[in-house]
Structure formats: C-alpha cells, structure tokens
Amino acid sequence: MDDSRREQIYNEVIRILSTDLEVSADEIANDTMLNSELPFDSLQLYEFVIDLEEAYNIKLPDEMLDQMKTVDDIVSLIMRLTEGK
C-alpha cells in the first residue's frame, strides 16, 4: 500500500472533517470514532459525504458508509475506491 497516498488522503479527510464540523484538526485522530466522538448531525454527515465524493470523484454507497466506524475506515474506503485513478 502506498503510505504517502494514505497520508495524503488522511490529511484531506481530516481537513474536510474539521471544516464541516468546525472542530480543530488536532481533535481528530486515525482511530476517532465517527458516530460517538465527532459531533455530527445528519446535515453535517451529508455535507461530509458530498465533500468527500467531490474531492475524490467517487460515489460512497450508503451500505459502505454504514460500516465506517473510524477515520481510518474512511481513509481505507477512499483508497479502495480510488485505486487506479
């Protein structure tokens, strides 16, 4: 796996999360739990998904999103969906 690519995606996910949720990027870690540790309401979650889809030109299926528990899960999913792009 390409570590520099993973780090780049991770940094972008953190940037989007901190912007959408108006929290410091320092408060978000690789193992941060999305549902319990981040102050998402349904609109913010929707905006976050849209921002990710636009940033990476991908479609995030709802059934995949339901399985995402941590920031690292999202980074891994984006890596899988953007492989070869």
Protein backbone atom coordinates (compact mmCIF):
# COMPACT_ATOMS: atom_id res chain seq x y z
CA MET A 1 0.00 0.00 0.00
CA ASP A 2 1.21 3.49 -0.81
CA ASP A 3 1.91 5.17 2.54
CA SER A 4 2.30 8.65 1.07
CA ARG A 5 -1.06 8.30 -0.71
CA ARG A 6 -2.69 7.10 2.51
CA GLU A 7 -1.22 10.05 4.40
CA GLN A 8 -2.41 12.48 1.73
CA ILE A 9 -5.96 11.06 1.85
CA TYR A 10 -5.89 11.03 5.67
CA ASN A 11 -4.85 14.70 5.78
CA GLU A 12 -7.58 15.67 3.33
CA VAL A 13 -10.23 13.71 5.27
CA ILE A 14 -9.13 15.45 8.49
CA ARG A 15 -9.25 18.84 6.76
CA ILE A 16 -12.77 18.20 5.45
CA LEU A 17 -13.96 16.87 8.83
CA SER A 18 -12.54 19.80 10.78
CA THR A 19 -14.08 22.28 8.31
CA ASP A 20 -17.51 20.62 8.18
CA LEU A 21 -17.71 20.12 11.95
CA GLU A 22 -15.90 23.32 12.91
CA VAL A 23 -13.50 21.47 15.21
CA SER A 24 -9.73 21.60 15.39
CA ALA A 25 -7.92 19.07 13.22
CA ASP A 26 -5.88 18.27 16.35
CA GLU A 27 -9.03 16.81 17.92
CA ILE A 28 -9.37 14.19 15.18
CA ALA A 29 -7.17 11.10 15.06
CA ASN A 30 -6.94 7.96 12.94
CA ASP A 31 -8.95 5.98 15.49
CA THR A 32 -11.55 8.67 16.22
CA MET A 33 -14.98 7.07 16.27
CA LEU A 34 -17.25 8.83 13.78
CA ASN A 35 -20.59 8.29 15.49
CA SER A 36 -19.61 8.68 19.13
CA GLU A 37 -16.64 11.05 19.19
CA LEU A 38 -17.50 13.55 16.46
CA PRO A 39 -20.42 15.98 16.78
CA PHE A 40 -22.17 15.08 13.52
CA ASP A 41 -25.78 15.92 12.95
CA SER A 42 -27.47 14.41 9.90
CA LEU A 43 -26.90 17.51 7.73
CA GLN A 44 -23.19 17.66 8.62
CA LEU A 45 -22.79 13.98 7.83
CA TYR A 46 -24.46 14.52 4.47
CA GLU A 47 -22.18 17.51 3.74
CA PHE A 48 -19.12 15.47 4.72
CA VAL A 49 -20.06 12.66 2.34
CA ILE A 50 -20.72 15.13 -0.50
CA ASP A 51 -17.37 16.85 0.15
CA LEU A 52 -15.54 13.51 0.02
CA GLU A 53 -17.32 12.45 -3.15
CA GLU A 54 -16.44 15.74 -4.83
CA ALA A 55 -12.83 15.76 -3.59
CA TYR A 56 -12.14 12.25 -4.91
CA ASN A 57 -14.67 11.99 -7.75
CA ILE A 58 -16.21 8.87 -6.21
CA LYS A 59 -19.62 7.65 -5.05
CA LEU A 60 -19.85 6.47 -1.45
CA PRO A 61 -22.65 3.88 -1.24
CA ASP A 62 -24.82 4.12 1.89
CA GLU A 63 -24.23 0.48 2.78
CA MET A 64 -20.47 1.10 2.80
CA LEU A 65 -20.85 4.27 4.86
CA ASP A 66 -22.86 2.37 7.46
CA GLN A 67 -19.80 0.16 8.05
CA MET A 68 -17.44 3.11 8.58
CA LYS A 69 -16.67 3.40 12.28
CA THR A 70 -13.39 5.36 12.40
CA VAL A 71 -11.50 7.96 10.40
CA ASP A 72 -9.12 5.19 9.31
CA ASP A 73 -12.08 3.20 7.91
CA ILE A 74 -12.97 6.17 5.69
CA VAL A 75 -9.37 6.56 4.51
CA SER A 76 -9.22 2.85 3.64
CA LEU A 77 -12.52 3.04 1.76
CA ILE A 78 -11.37 6.06 -0.27
CA MET A 79 -8.11 4.26 -1.08
CA ARG A 80 -10.06 1.24 -2.36
CA LEU A 81 -12.48 3.36 -4.40
CA THR A 82 -9.73 5.49 -5.97
CA GLU A 83 -7.26 2.71 -6.77
CA GLY A 84 -6.02 3.13 -10.30
CA LYS A 85 -7.32 6.68 -10.66
